[in-house]
Amino acid sequence: MTAAKCPTAIRTHVSRDYEIGDILATQKLIGGMFLEPCRLSTTLGSYVLRAHQFRQTDETFKFQAETLQLLHDAGHRCPRVIKRRDGSWGESDGNAFWALHEYAAGHIYSWDEWWELKADRQFLFDCGAAIAKLHDDLAAISPSGDPSLLPSLPPIQFSHLHDIQVQWESDLDRFGQPGPSAHPHSQRALMADRRELKDYWEILGSAVSEGRICDLPSQIVHGDISPVNAVFSGGDFTLIDWDCSRYGFRLYDALGDLLIRRPDGATNYAAFDPAEVLAYLDGYQHATKRPISVAELHAVPVFCLARQLEDLRQRVAVLSQIDAASDFTYALQIGSRIQSMREISRLFGLCR
């Protein structure tokens, strides 16, 4: 069942493979940078059908599915994967793995709304505390399956940083070829600051090596904590889109993209506010059963810088899929990420 077939094949495939009642309606959902999921309203409830491109096999997807089930068993609200009638987690089909999830009802804040919300330090404190509790329980579970992700996929795997940087430069070489471009705004934004971006990758590499980042303890993490993946309901939130889940560093995961991103076009705001990071991590430290170590705290500037480079890496990866209107928005965000890195480097004294 390919992505193109999804809307017309839903009733046949899902009704045959799952015990979820009769399908009453289908609705295409916004799916971020990648594939668009489909919501199914049935006589037994609401579900989401998704094509997963990061975990394309039974073994790799099993890790994600079992992580969600074990997290639910520990008392967390999360969109579990629904097993098929035959007991499997879904269906591998070419370059994707199709699976059905529970639907997480609630509100996803826009970037503009999030910008206003995070001005409240108590809100950031509470968010940090919620993520800390999630991480504590993620550290205690042991799902089976294959947890690995290719280094080319998000988030940044610091042990593969050299290869990631080589791939980045290769992508920019291809993207910056002379001649007409389908994405002129993004191309100009990247090429104009390419030398500076290379410096940031080298700063990151040096900081990772000198700070012995790869020696930090790892655990299961969500992999893409962001406002677009947080569904709020009754004051609490649940995280959706666990495609990037793997073993990683908890503070890199915790910081995610919750703090350092301006709304689209909001160029008159500073992109990085250390007070926000402090309020958020204060909440995390207050709630966790495993206090943040000195080594982890020293890694915070590195993680903040890495998240900006990861966003740019993802944008370059999907540029061929965006339209002209999105190209202009992407260009604005590229400039914003670069400004954030300037501020992070200046405030924390990161340099080559």
C-alpha atoms as a PDB file:
ATOM      1  CA  MET A   1       0.000   0.000   0.000  1.00  0.00           C
ATOM      2  CA  THR A   2       1.976   3.012  -1.247  1.00  0.00           C
ATOM      3  CA  ALA A   3       1.467   6.585  -0.057  1.00  0.00           C
ATOM      4  CA  ALA A   4      -0.292   7.430  -3.309  1.00  0.00           C
ATOM      5  CA  LYS A   5      -2.746   4.556  -2.832  1.00  0.00           C
ATOM      6  CA  CYS A   6      -3.567   5.374   0.779  1.00  0.00           C
ATOM      7  CA  PRO A   7      -6.839   7.329   0.370  1.00  0.00           C
ATOM      8  CA  THR A   8      -8.474   4.791  -1.978  1.00  0.00           C
ATOM      9  CA  ALA A   9      -7.145   1.579  -0.415  1.00  0.00           C
ATOM     10  CA  ILE A  10      -7.900   2.380   3.221  1.00  0.00           C
ATOM     11  CA  ARG A  11     -11.286   0.729   3.559  1.00  0.00           C
ATOM     12  CA  THR A  12     -10.221  -2.538   1.936  1.00  0.00           C
ATOM     13  CA  HIS A  13      -6.886  -2.961   3.712  1.00  0.00           C
ATOM     14  CA  VAL A  14      -7.806  -1.705   7.171  1.00  0.00           C
ATOM     15  CA  SER A  15     -11.174  -3.419   7.348  1.00  0.00           C
ATOM     16  CA  ARG A  16      -9.522  -6.675   6.332  1.00  0.00           C
ATOM     17  CA  ASP A  17      -6.478  -6.425   8.616  1.00  0.00           C
ATOM     18  CA  TYR A  18      -7.728  -4.713  11.795  1.00  0.00           C
ATOM     19  CA  GLU A  19     -10.525  -5.094  14.308  1.00  0.00           C
ATOM     20  CA  ILE A  20     -11.489  -1.426  14.615  1.00  0.00           C
ATOM     21  CA  GLY A  21     -15.114  -1.475  13.521  1.00  0.00           C
ATOM     22  CA  ASP A  22     -16.565   0.124  10.412  1.00  0.00           C
ATOM     23  CA  ILE A  23     -14.780   3.102   8.854  1.00  0.00           C
ATOM     24  CA  LEU A  24     -17.063   6.142   8.815  1.00  0.00           C
ATOM     25  CA  ALA A  25     -14.715   8.833   7.474  1.00  0.00           C
ATOM     26  CA  THR A  26     -11.106   9.524   6.505  1.00  0.00           C
ATOM     27  CA  GLN A  27      -9.123  12.751   6.832  1.00  0.00           C
ATOM     28  CA  LYS A  28      -5.652  13.626   5.622  1.00  0.00           C
ATOM     29  CA  LEU A  29      -3.480  15.125   8.392  1.00  0.00           C
ATOM     30  CA  ILE A  30      -0.507  17.462   8.236  1.00  0.00           C
ATOM     31  CA  GLY A  31       2.643  15.369   8.476  1.00  0.00           C
ATOM     32  CA  GLY A  32       5.500  17.818   8.991  1.00  0.00           C
ATOM     33  CA  MET A  33       8.470  17.492   6.651  1.00  0.00           C
ATOM     34  CA  PHE A  34       7.739  13.909   5.705  1.00  0.00           C
ATOM     35  CA  LEU A  35       4.706  11.755   4.887  1.00  0.00           C
ATOM     36  CA  GLU A  36       1.143  12.859   5.562  1.00  0.00           C
ATOM     37  CA  PRO A  37      -0.822  10.487   7.818  1.00  0.00           C
ATOM     38  CA  CYS A  38      -4.510   9.732   7.483  1.00  0.00           C
ATOM     39  CA  ARG A  39      -7.050   9.837  10.319  1.00  0.00           C
ATOM     40  CA  LEU A  40      -9.728   7.140  10.327  1.00  0.00           C
ATOM     41  CA  SER A  41     -12.981   7.661  12.197  1.00  0.00           C
ATOM     42  CA  THR A  42     -14.612   4.322  12.940  1.00  0.00           C
ATOM     43  CA  THR A  43     -17.477   2.912  14.976  1.00  0.00           C
ATOM     44  CA  LEU A  44     -14.941   1.970  17.687  1.00  0.00           C
ATOM     45  CA  GLY A  45     -12.913   5.213  17.779  1.00  0.00           C
ATOM     46  CA  SER A  46     -10.308   7.227  15.884  1.00  0.00           C
ATOM     47  CA  TYR A  47      -7.023   5.952  14.507  1.00  0.00           C
ATOM     48  CA  VAL A  48      -4.135   7.180  12.367  1.00  0.00           C
ATOM     49  CA  LEU A  49      -2.732   5.227   9.425  1.00  0.00           C
ATOM     50  CA  ARG A  50       0.874   6.106   8.634  1.00  0.00           C
ATOM     51  CA  ALA A  51       3.626   5.095   6.259  1.00  0.00           C
ATOM     52  CA  HIS A  52       6.926   4.999   8.192  1.00  0.00           C
ATOM     53  CA  GLN A  53      10.013   5.572   6.063  1.00  0.00           C
ATOM     54  CA  PHE A  54      12.696   5.560   8.779  1.00  0.00           C
ATOM     55  CA  ARG A  55      11.824   2.067  10.072  1.00  0.00           C
ATOM     56  CA  GLN A  56      10.882  -0.010   7.052  1.00  0.00           C
ATOM     57  CA  THR A  57      11.210  -3.581   8.332  1.00  0.00           C
ATOM     58  CA  ASP A  58       9.446  -5.723  10.925  1.00  0.00           C
ATOM     59  CA  GLU A  59      12.467  -5.715  13.243  1.00  0.00           C
ATOM     60  CA  THR A  60      13.190  -1.999  13.122  1.00  0.00           C
ATOM     61  CA  PHE A  61       9.546  -1.034  13.508  1.00  0.00           C
ATOM     62  CA  LYS A  62       9.080  -3.498  16.372  1.00  0.00           C
ATOM     63  CA  PHE A  63      11.433  -1.362  18.478  1.00  0.00           C
ATOM     64  CA  GLN A  64       9.248   1.701  17.983  1.00  0.00           C
ATOM     65  CA  ALA A  65       5.981  -0.154  18.553  1.00  0.00           C
ATOM     66  CA  GLU A  66       7.140  -1.939  21.697  1.00  0.00           C
ATOM     67  CA  THR A  67       8.592   1.292  23.090  1.00  0.00           C
ATOM     68  CA  LEU A  68       5.157   2.906  22.853  1.00  0.00           C
ATOM     69  CA  GLN A  69       3.397  -0.100  24.370  1.00  0.00           C
ATOM     70  CA  LEU A  70       5.805  -0.311  27.319  1.00  0.00           C
ATOM     71  CA  LEU A  71       5.580   3.436  27.865  1.00  0.00           C
ATOM     72  CA  HIS A  72       1.788   3.162  27.944  1.00  0.00           C
ATOM     73  CA  ASP A  73       2.054   0.293  30.437  1.00  0.00           C
ATOM     74  CA  ALA A  74       4.173   2.591  32.654  1.00  0.00           C
ATOM     75  CA  GLY A  75       1.290   5.066  32.789  1.00  0.00           C
ATOM     76  CA  HIS A  76       2.058   7.486  29.949  1.00  0.00           C
ATOM     77  CA  ARG A  77      -0.461   8.707  27.407  1.00  0.00           C
ATOM     78  CA  CYS A  78       1.004   7.901  24.005  1.00  0.00           C
ATOM     79  CA  PRO A  79      -0.293   6.822  20.565  1.00  0.00           C
ATOM     80  CA  ARG A  80       0.238   3.060  20.668  1.00  0.00           C
ATOM     81  CA  VAL A  81       0.512   0.999  17.506  1.00  0.00           C
ATOM     82  CA  ILE A  82      -2.541  -1.202  16.897  1.00  0.00           C
ATOM     83  CA  LYS A  83      -1.745  -4.822  16.123  1.00  0.00           C
ATOM     84  CA  ARG A  84      -3.349  -6.460  13.109  1.00  0.00           C
ATOM     85  CA  ARG A  85      -5.588  -9.499  13.304  1.00  0.00           C
ATOM     86  CA  ASP A  86      -2.579 -11.740  12.712  1.00  0.00           C
ATOM     87  CA  GLY A  87      -0.677 -10.188  15.658  1.00  0.00           C
ATOM     88  CA  SER A  88       1.831  -8.252  13.538  1.00  0.00           C
ATOM     89  CA  TRP A  89       2.620  -4.549  13.991  1.00  0.00           C
ATOM     90  CA  GLY A  90       1.933  -3.628  10.380  1.00  0.00           C
ATOM     91  CA  GLU A  91       3.010  -4.242   6.812  1.00  0.00           C
ATOM     92  CA  SER A  92       6.313  -3.596   5.060  1.00  0.00           C
ATOM     93  CA  ASP A  93       5.731  -2.289   1.546  1.00  0.00           C
ATOM     94  CA  GLY A  94       8.751  -1.247  -0.498  1.00  0.00           C
ATOM     95  CA  ASN A  95      10.373   1.799   1.095  1.00  0.00           C
ATOM     96  CA  ALA A  96       7.839   2.189   3.920  1.00  0.00           C
ATOM     97  CA  PHE A  97       6.229   0.321   6.797  1.00  0.00           C
ATOM     98  CA  TRP A  98       2.492   0.862   7.145  1.00  0.00           C
ATOM     99  CA  ALA A  99       1.045   0.854  10.662  1.00  0.00           C
ATOM    100  CA  LEU A 100      -2.106   1.934  12.454  1.00  0.00           C
ATOM    101  CA  HIS A 101      -1.863   4.094  15.591  1.00  0.00           C
ATOM    102  CA  GLU A 102      -4.210   5.316  18.260  1.00  0.00           C
ATOM    103  CA  TYR A 103      -5.319   8.896  17.627  1.00  0.00           C
ATOM    104  CA  ALA A 104      -4.101  11.454  20.181  1.00  0.00           C
ATOM    105  CA  ALA A 105      -6.895  14.002  20.569  1.00  0.00           C
ATOM    106  CA  GLY A 106      -6.069  17.549  21.600  1.00  0.00           C
ATOM    107  CA  HIS A 107      -4.482  20.766  20.366  1.00  0.00           C
ATOM    108  CA  ILE A 108      -1.149  21.241  18.603  1.00  0.00           C
ATOM    109  CA  TYR A 109       0.049  24.810  19.023  1.00  0.00           C
ATOM    110  CA  SER A 110       1.270  26.789  16.028  1.00  0.00           C
ATOM    111  CA  TRP A 111       4.770  28.243  16.151  1.00  0.00           C
ATOM    112  CA  ASP A 112       3.285  31.687  16.797  1.00  0.00           C
ATOM    113  CA  GLU A 113       1.215  30.335  19.701  1.00  0.00           C
ATOM    114  CA  TRP A 114       4.222  28.471  21.055  1.00  0.00           C
ATOM    115  CA  TRP A 115       6.316  31.640  20.974  1.00  0.00           C
ATOM    116  CA  GLU A 116       3.797  33.300  23.282  1.00  0.00           C
ATOM    117  CA  LEU A 117       3.460  30.267  25.568  1.00  0.00           C
ATOM    118  CA  LYS A 118       7.158  29.817  26.194  1.00  0.00           C
ATOM    119  CA  ALA A 119       7.469  33.399  27.415  1.00  0.00           C
ATOM    120  CA  ASP A 120       5.894  32.012  30.606  1.00  0.00           C
ATOM    121  CA  ARG A 121       8.729  30.513  32.677  1.00  0.00           C
ATOM    122  CA  GLN A 122       6.285  28.326  34.626  1.00  0.00           C
ATOM    123  CA  PHE A 123       5.106  26.804  31.350  1.00  0.00           C
ATOM    124  CA  LEU A 124       8.696  25.954  30.437  1.00  0.00           C
ATOM    125  CA  PHE A 125       9.326  24.561  33.934  1.00  0.00           C
ATOM    126  CA  ASP A 126       6.272  22.300  33.610  1.00  0.00           C
ATOM    127  CA  CYS A 127       7.301  21.135  30.136  1.00  0.00           C
ATOM    128  CA  GLY A 128      10.782  20.275  31.395  1.00  0.00           C
ATOM    129  CA  ALA A 129       9.298  18.326  34.301  1.00  0.00           C
ATOM    130  CA  ALA A 130       6.999  16.359  31.982  1.00  0.00           C
ATOM    131  CA  ILE A 131       9.861  15.386  29.674  1.00  0.00           C
ATOM    132  CA  ALA A 132      12.014  14.361  32.646  1.00  0.00           C
ATOM    133  CA  LYS A 133       9.329  11.952  33.860  1.00  0.00           C
ATOM    134  CA  LEU A 134       8.996  10.559  30.348  1.00  0.00           C
ATOM    135  CA  HIS A 135      12.755  10.045  30.099  1.00  0.00           C
ATOM    136  CA  ASP A 136      12.916   8.343  33.487  1.00  0.00           C
ATOM    137  CA  ASP A 137      10.403   5.757  32.323  1.00  0.00           C
ATOM    138  CA  LEU A 138      12.014   5.393  28.898  1.00  0.00           C
ATOM    139  CA  ALA A 139      15.289   4.575  30.652  1.00  0.00           C
ATOM    140  CA  ALA A 140      13.600   1.730  32.537  1.00  0.00           C
ATOM    141  CA  ILE A 141      12.109  -0.193  29.603  1.00  0.00           C
ATOM    142  CA  SER A 142      13.699  -2.778  27.307  1.00  0.00           C
ATOM    143  CA  PRO A 143      11.824  -3.185  24.012  1.00  0.00           C
ATOM    144  CA  SER A 144      12.952  -5.794  21.530  1.00  0.00           C
ATOM    145  CA  GLY A 145      13.556  -5.147  17.859  1.00  0.00           C
ATOM    146  CA  ASP A 146      16.308  -3.197  16.140  1.00  0.00           C
ATOM    147  CA  PRO A 147      16.745   0.349  17.571  1.00  0.00           C
ATOM    148  CA  SER A 148      19.259   1.551  14.978  1.00  0.00           C
ATOM    149  CA  LEU A 149      18.701   4.397  12.539  1.00  0.00           C
ATOM    150  CA  LEU A 150      20.891   5.295   9.584  1.00  0.00           C
ATOM    151  CA  PRO A 151      23.291   8.183  10.399  1.00  0.00           C
ATOM    152  CA  SER A 152      21.712  10.132   7.532  1.00  0.00           C
ATOM    153  CA  LEU A 153      18.406  10.241   9.451  1.00  0.00           C
ATOM    154  CA  PRO A 154      17.583  12.637  12.270  1.00  0.00           C
ATOM    155  CA  PRO A 155      18.556  13.274  14.990  1.00  0.00           C
ATOM    156  CA  ILE A 156      22.328  13.784  14.768  1.00  0.00           C
ATOM    157  CA  GLN A 157      24.272  10.734  15.914  1.00  0.00           C
ATOM    158  CA  PHE A 158      27.405  12.268  17.406  1.00  0.00           C
ATOM    159  CA  SER A 159      29.497   9.131  16.915  1.00  0.00           C
ATOM    160  CA  HIS A 160      28.982   9.557  13.151  1.00  0.00           C
ATOM    161  CA  LEU A 161      29.578  13.293  13.040  1.00  0.00           C
ATOM    162  CA  HIS A 162      32.380  13.198  10.457  1.00  0.00           C
ATOM    163  CA  ASP A 163      30.326  11.177   7.994  1.00  0.00           C
ATOM    164  CA  ILE A 164      27.331  13.454   8.570  1.00  0.00           C
ATOM    165  CA  GLN A 165      29.403  16.540   7.775  1.00  0.00           C
ATOM    166  CA  VAL A 166      30.795  14.928   4.615  1.00  0.00           C
ATOM    167  CA  GLN A 167      27.252  14.158   3.492  1.00  0.00           C
ATOM    168  CA  TRP A 168      26.188  17.738   4.277  1.00  0.00           C
ATOM    169  CA  GLU A 169      28.929  19.194   2.087  1.00  0.00           C
ATOM    170  CA  SER A 170      28.078  16.754  -0.698  1.00  0.00           C
ATOM    171  CA  ASP A 171      24.405  17.743  -0.526  1.00  0.00           C
ATOM    172  CA  LEU A 172      25.292  21.430  -0.703  1.00  0.00           C
ATOM    173  CA  ASP A 173      27.596  20.801  -3.677  1.00  0.00           C
ATOM    174  CA  ARG A 174      24.699  19.220  -5.528  1.00  0.00           C
ATOM    175  CA  PHE A 175      22.198  21.823  -4.370  1.00  0.00           C
ATOM    176  CA  GLY A 176      24.468  24.730  -5.278  1.00  0.00           C
ATOM    177  CA  GLN A 177      25.037  23.747  -8.916  1.00  0.00           C
ATOM    178  CA  PRO A 178      24.859  26.777 -11.259  1.00  0.00           C
ATOM    179  CA  GLY A 179      21.760  27.309 -13.362  1.00  0.00           C
ATOM    180  CA  PRO A 180      18.039  27.774 -12.697  1.00  0.00           C
ATOM    181  CA  SER A 181      16.883  26.470  -9.317  1.00  0.00           C
ATOM    182  CA  ALA A 182      13.464  25.225  -8.284  1.00  0.00           C
ATOM    183  CA  HIS A 183      14.185  26.608  -4.806  1.00  0.00           C
ATOM    184  CA  PRO A 184      16.041  29.891  -5.369  1.00  0.00           C
ATOM    185  CA  HIS A 185      15.334  31.445  -1.944  1.00  0.00           C
ATOM    186  CA  SER A 186      16.642  28.460   0.007  1.00  0.00           C
ATOM    187  CA  GLN A 187      19.583  28.103  -2.336  1.00  0.00           C
ATOM    188  CA  ARG A 188      20.624  31.721  -1.849  1.00  0.00           C
ATOM    189  CA  ALA A 189      20.212  31.503   1.929  1.00  0.00           C
ATOM    190  CA  LEU A 190      22.410  28.402   2.159  1.00  0.00           C
ATOM    191  CA  MET A 191      25.058  29.413  -0.350  1.00  0.00           C
ATOM    192  CA  ALA A 192      25.462  32.927   1.035  1.00  0.00           C
ATOM    193  CA  ASP A 193      26.505  31.549   4.434  1.00  0.00           C
ATOM    194  CA  ARG A 194      28.046  28.256   3.376  1.00  0.00           C
ATOM    195  CA  ARG A 195      31.477  29.132   4.755  1.00  0.00           C
ATOM    196  CA  GLU A 196      29.968  30.133   8.080  1.00  0.00           C
ATOM    197  CA  LEU A 197      27.910  26.939   8.209  1.00  0.00           C
ATOM    198  CA  LYS A 198      31.042  24.886   7.633  1.00  0.00           C
ATOM    199  CA  ASP A 199      32.621  26.685  10.580  1.00  0.00           C
ATOM    200  CA  TYR A 200      29.689  25.692  12.790  1.00  0.00           C
ATOM    201  CA  TRP A 201      30.005  22.051  11.786  1.00  0.00           C
ATOM    202  CA  GLU A 202      33.699  22.178  12.674  1.00  0.00           C
ATOM    203  CA  ILE A 203      32.938  23.945  15.960  1.00  0.00           C
ATOM    204  CA  LEU A 204      30.457  21.184  16.739  1.00  0.00           C
ATOM    205  CA  GLY A 205      32.980  18.466  15.913  1.00  0.00           C
ATOM    206  CA  SER A 206      35.631  20.026  18.149  1.00  0.00           C
ATOM    207  CA  ALA A 207      33.188  20.546  21.008  1.00  0.00           C
ATOM    208  CA  VAL A 208      31.936  16.954  20.794  1.00  0.00           C
ATOM    209  CA  SER A 209      35.496  15.633  20.883  1.00  0.00           C
ATOM    210  CA  GLU A 210      36.840  17.928  23.594  1.00  0.00           C
ATOM    211  CA  GLY A 211      33.748  17.570  25.760  1.00  0.00           C
ATOM    212  CA  ARG A 212      33.711  13.769  25.374  1.00  0.00           C
ATOM    213  CA  ILE A 213      30.055  13.980  24.444  1.00  0.00           C
ATOM    214  CA  CYS A 214      29.978  10.407  23.188  1.00  0.00           C
ATOM    215  CA  ASP A 215      30.940   9.195  26.682  1.00  0.00           C
ATOM    216  CA  LEU A 216      27.653  10.429  28.145  1.00  0.00           C
ATOM    217  CA  PRO A 217      25.186   7.697  29.137  1.00  0.00           C
ATOM    218  CA  SER A 218      22.552   6.889  26.532  1.00  0.00           C
ATOM    219  CA  GLN A 219      18.963   5.739  26.862  1.00  0.00           C
ATOM    220  CA  ILE A 220      15.835   5.408  24.735  1.00  0.00           C
ATOM    221  CA  VAL A 221      14.715   8.857  23.556  1.00  0.00           C
ATOM    222  CA  HIS A 222      11.866  10.248  21.469  1.00  0.00           C
ATOM    223  CA  GLY A 223      14.229  11.788  18.915  1.00  0.00           C
ATOM    224  CA  ASP A 224      12.138  14.747  17.738  1.00  0.00           C
ATOM    225  CA  ILE A 225      10.644  16.662  20.671  1.00  0.00           C
ATOM    226  CA  SER A 226       9.005  19.706  19.130  1.00  0.00           C
ATOM    227  CA  PRO A 227       5.771  21.714  19.454  1.00  0.00           C
ATOM    228  CA  VAL A 228       4.490  20.105  16.252  1.00  0.00           C
ATOM    229  CA  ASN A 229       4.774  16.698  17.967  1.00  0.00           C
ATOM    230  CA  ALA A 230       3.155  17.719  21.275  1.00  0.00           C
ATOM    231  CA  VAL A 231      -0.619  17.284  21.564  1.00  0.00           C
ATOM    232  CA  PHE A 232      -2.065  19.204  24.538  1.00  0.00           C
ATOM    233  CA  SER A 233      -5.236  18.126  26.307  1.00  0.00           C
ATOM    234  CA  GLY A 234      -6.432  19.297  29.724  1.00  0.00           C
ATOM    235  CA  GLY A 235      -3.112  20.925  30.590  1.00  0.00           C
ATOM    236  CA  ASP A 236      -1.048  17.807  29.838  1.00  0.00           C
ATOM    237  CA  PHE A 237       0.535  16.773  26.570  1.00  0.00           C
ATOM    238  CA  THR A 238       1.444  13.609  24.765  1.00  0.00           C
ATOM    239  CA  LEU A 239       4.202  13.234  22.202  1.00  0.00           C
ATOM    240  CA  ILE A 240       3.374  11.852  18.778  1.00  0.00           C
ATOM    241  CA  ASP A 241       5.610  10.862  15.845  1.00  0.00           C
ATOM    242  CA  TRP A 242       8.103   8.465  17.428  1.00  0.00           C
ATOM    243  CA  ASP A 243       9.841   7.622  14.142  1.00  0.00           C
ATOM    244  CA  CYS A 244      13.184   8.986  15.403  1.00  0.00           C
ATOM    245  CA  SER A 245      13.099   7.014  18.676  1.00  0.00           C
ATOM    246  CA  ARG A 246      16.413   5.308  19.429  1.00  0.00           C
ATOM    247  CA  TYR A 247      19.164   5.206  22.057  1.00  0.00           C
ATOM    248  CA  GLY A 248      20.608   8.685  22.534  1.00  0.00           C
ATOM    249  CA  PHE A 249      21.432  11.436  25.023  1.00  0.00           C
ATOM    250  CA  ARG A 250      18.526  12.572  27.154  1.00  0.00           C
ATOM    251  CA  LEU A 251      19.336  16.307  27.260  1.00  0.00           C
ATOM    252  CA  TYR A 252      19.860  16.492  23.498  1.00  0.00           C
ATOM    253  CA  ASP A 253      16.459  14.903  23.194  1.00  0.00           C
ATOM    254  CA  ALA A 254      14.897  17.059  25.921  1.00  0.00           C
ATOM    255  CA  LEU A 255      16.014  20.356  24.392  1.00  0.00           C
ATOM    256  CA  GLY A 256      14.796  19.194  20.991  1.00  0.00           C
ATOM    257  CA  ASP A 257      13.210  22.106  19.164  1.00  0.00           C
ATOM    258  CA  LEU A 258      11.086  23.458  22.007  1.00  0.00           C
ATOM    259  CA  LEU A 259      13.038  26.661  22.629  1.00  0.00           C
ATOM    260  CA  ILE A 260      15.222  27.854  19.776  1.00  0.00           C
ATOM    261  CA  ARG A 261      12.916  28.543  16.864  1.00  0.00           C
ATOM    262  CA  ARG A 262      11.298  31.800  15.899  1.00  0.00           C
ATOM    263  CA  PRO A 263       7.887  31.901  14.221  1.00  0.00           C
ATOM    264  CA  ASP A 264       8.090  32.053  10.439  1.00  0.00           C
ATOM    265  CA  GLY A 265       9.026  35.561   9.364  1.00  0.00           C
ATOM    266  CA  ALA A 266       9.598  36.838  12.925  1.00  0.00           C
ATOM    267  CA  THR A 267      13.026  38.283  12.211  1.00  0.00           C
ATOM    268  CA  ASN A 268      12.734  41.032  14.828  1.00  0.00           C
ATOM    269  CA  TYR A 269      13.103  38.639  17.777  1.00  0.00           C
ATOM    270  CA  ALA A 270      16.264  37.218  19.285  1.00  0.00           C
ATOM    271  CA  ALA A 271      16.304  33.548  18.426  1.00  0.00           C
ATOM    272  CA  PHE A 272      18.082  32.300  21.542  1.00  0.00           C
ATOM    273  CA  ASP A 273      17.288  33.140  25.153  1.00  0.00           C
ATOM    274  CA  PRO A 274      19.446  31.380  27.804  1.00  0.00           C
ATOM    275  CA  ALA A 275      16.806  32.174  30.459  1.00  0.00           C
ATOM    276  CA  GLU A 276      14.361  29.898  28.631  1.00  0.00           C
ATOM    277  CA  VAL A 277      16.866  27.049  28.658  1.00  0.00           C
ATOM    278  CA  LEU A 278      17.484  27.551  32.381  1.00  0.00           C
ATOM    279  CA  ALA A 279      13.761  27.569  33.228  1.00  0.00           C
ATOM    280  CA  TYR A 280      13.157  24.446  31.163  1.00  0.00           C
ATOM    281  CA  LEU A 281      16.113  22.530  32.595  1.00  0.00           C
ATOM    282  CA  ASP A 282      15.168  23.647  36.103  1.00  0.00           C
ATOM    283  CA  GLY A 283      11.838  21.878  35.630  1.00  0.00           C
ATOM    284  CA  TYR A 284      13.619  18.824  34.261  1.00  0.00           C
ATOM    285  CA  GLN A 285      16.064  18.702  37.182  1.00  0.00           C
ATOM    286  CA  HIS A 286      13.248  19.152  39.680  1.00  0.00           C
ATOM    287  CA  ALA A 287      11.254  16.190  38.352  1.00  0.00           C
ATOM    288  CA  THR A 288      13.841  13.611  37.327  1.00  0.00           C
ATOM    289  CA  LYS A 289      14.848  10.741  39.578  1.00  0.00           C
ATOM    290  CA  ARG A 290      18.320  10.879  37.972  1.00  0.00           C
ATOM    291  CA  PRO A 291      19.796  14.359  38.563  1.00  0.00           C
ATOM    292  CA  ILE A 292      21.456  16.046  35.603  1.00  0.00           C
ATOM    293  CA  SER A 293      25.221  15.570  35.853  1.00  0.00           C
ATOM    294  CA  VAL A 294      27.865  18.250  35.464  1.00  0.00           C
ATOM    295  CA  ALA A 295      29.030  16.598  32.235  1.00  0.00           C
ATOM    296  CA  GLU A 296      25.484  16.763  30.829  1.00  0.00           C
ATOM    297  CA  LEU A 297      25.152  20.436  31.758  1.00  0.00           C
ATOM    298  CA  HIS A 298      28.431  21.216  30.021  1.00  0.00           C
ATOM    299  CA  ALA A 299      27.018  19.578  26.889  1.00  0.00           C
ATOM    300  CA  VAL A 300      23.951  21.862  26.724  1.00  0.00           C
ATOM    301  CA  PRO A 301      25.551  24.504  24.440  1.00  0.00           C
ATOM    302  CA  VAL A 302      26.751  21.719  22.133  1.00  0.00           C
ATOM    303  CA  PHE A 303      23.265  20.245  21.979  1.00  0.00           C
ATOM    304  CA  CYS A 304      21.722  23.668  21.265  1.00  0.00           C
ATOM    305  CA  LEU A 305      24.132  24.205  18.374  1.00  0.00           C
ATOM    306  CA  ALA A 306      23.631  20.678  17.044  1.00  0.00           C
ATOM    307  CA  ARG A 307      19.843  21.086  16.927  1.00  0.00           C
ATOM    308  CA  GLN A 308      20.164  24.100  14.631  1.00  0.00           C
ATOM    309  CA  LEU A 309      22.422  22.201  12.244  1.00  0.00           C
ATOM    310  CA  GLU A 310      20.070  19.216  12.361  1.00  0.00           C
ATOM    311  CA  ASP A 311      17.157  21.409  11.276  1.00  0.00           C
ATOM    312  CA  LEU A 312      19.151  22.682   8.286  1.00  0.00           C
ATOM    313  CA  ARG A 313      20.195  19.128   7.416  1.00  0.00           C
ATOM    314  CA  GLN A 314      16.555  18.036   7.379  1.00  0.00           C
ATOM    315  CA  ARG A 315      15.519  20.994   5.236  1.00  0.00           C
ATOM    316  CA  VAL A 316      18.168  20.230   2.621  1.00  0.00           C
ATOM    317  CA  ALA A 317      17.035  16.579   2.625  1.00  0.00           C
ATOM    318  CA  VAL A 318      13.429  17.446   1.720  1.00  0.00           C
ATOM    319  CA  LEU A 319      13.925  20.508  -0.512  1.00  0.00           C
ATOM    320  CA  SER A 320      13.096  18.538  -3.628  1.00  0.00           C
ATOM    321  CA  GLN A 321       9.613  17.905  -2.200  1.00  0.00           C
ATOM    322  CA  ILE A 322       8.556  21.465  -1.362  1.00  0.00           C
ATOM    323  CA  ASP A 323       6.689  24.034  -3.461  1.00  0.00           C
ATOM    324  CA  ALA A 324       7.571  27.662  -4.246  1.00  0.00           C
ATOM    325  CA  ALA A 325       5.662  29.076  -1.272  1.00  0.00           C
ATOM    326  CA  SER A 326       7.436  26.722   1.128  1.00  0.00           C
ATOM    327  CA  ASP A 327      10.772  27.661  -0.438  1.00  0.00           C
ATOM    328  CA  PHE A 328      10.384  31.246   0.781  1.00  0.00           C
ATOM    329  CA  THR A 329       9.432  30.058   4.286  1.00  0.00           C
ATOM    330  CA  TYR A 330      12.355  27.639   4.354  1.00  0.00           C
ATOM    331  CA  ALA A 331      14.733  30.439   3.403  1.00  0.00           C
ATOM    332  CA  LEU A 332      13.504  32.527   6.330  1.00  0.00           C
ATOM    333  CA  GLN A 333      14.026  29.646   8.726  1.00  0.00           C
ATOM    334  CA  ILE A 334      17.494  28.953   7.335  1.00  0.00           C
ATOM    335  CA  GLY A 335      18.425  32.547   8.142  1.00  0.00           C
ATOM    336  CA  SER A 336      16.863  32.221  11.596  1.00  0.00           C
ATOM    337  CA  ARG A 337      18.817  29.053  12.382  1.00  0.00           C
ATOM    338  CA  ILE A 338      22.067  30.692  11.329  1.00  0.00           C
ATOM    339  CA  GLN A 339      21.293  33.687  13.558  1.00  0.00           C
ATOM    340  CA  SER A 340      20.590  31.298  16.437  1.00  0.00           C
ATOM    341  CA  MET A 341      23.992  29.664  15.961  1.00  0.00           C
ATOM    342  CA  ARG A 342      25.675  33.065  16.028  1.00  0.00           C
ATOM    343  CA  GLU A 343      23.973  33.853  19.327  1.00  0.00           C
ATOM    344  CA  ILE A 344      24.703  30.430  20.844  1.00  0.00           C
ATOM    345  CA  SER A 345      28.362  30.626  19.816  1.00  0.00           C
ATOM    346  CA  ARG A 346      28.740  34.126  21.198  1.00  0.00           C
ATOM    347  CA  LEU A 347      26.965  33.512  24.509  1.00  0.00           C
ATOM    348  CA  PHE A 348      28.734  30.221  25.265  1.00  0.00           C
ATOM    349  CA  GLY A 349      32.109  31.096  23.797  1.00  0.00           C
ATOM    350  CA  LEU A 350      32.041  28.322  21.206  1.00  0.00           C
ATOM    351  CA  CYS A 351      34.759  28.862  18.647  1.00  0.00           C
ATOM    352  CA  ARG A 352      37.217  26.944  16.506  1.00  0.00           C
END
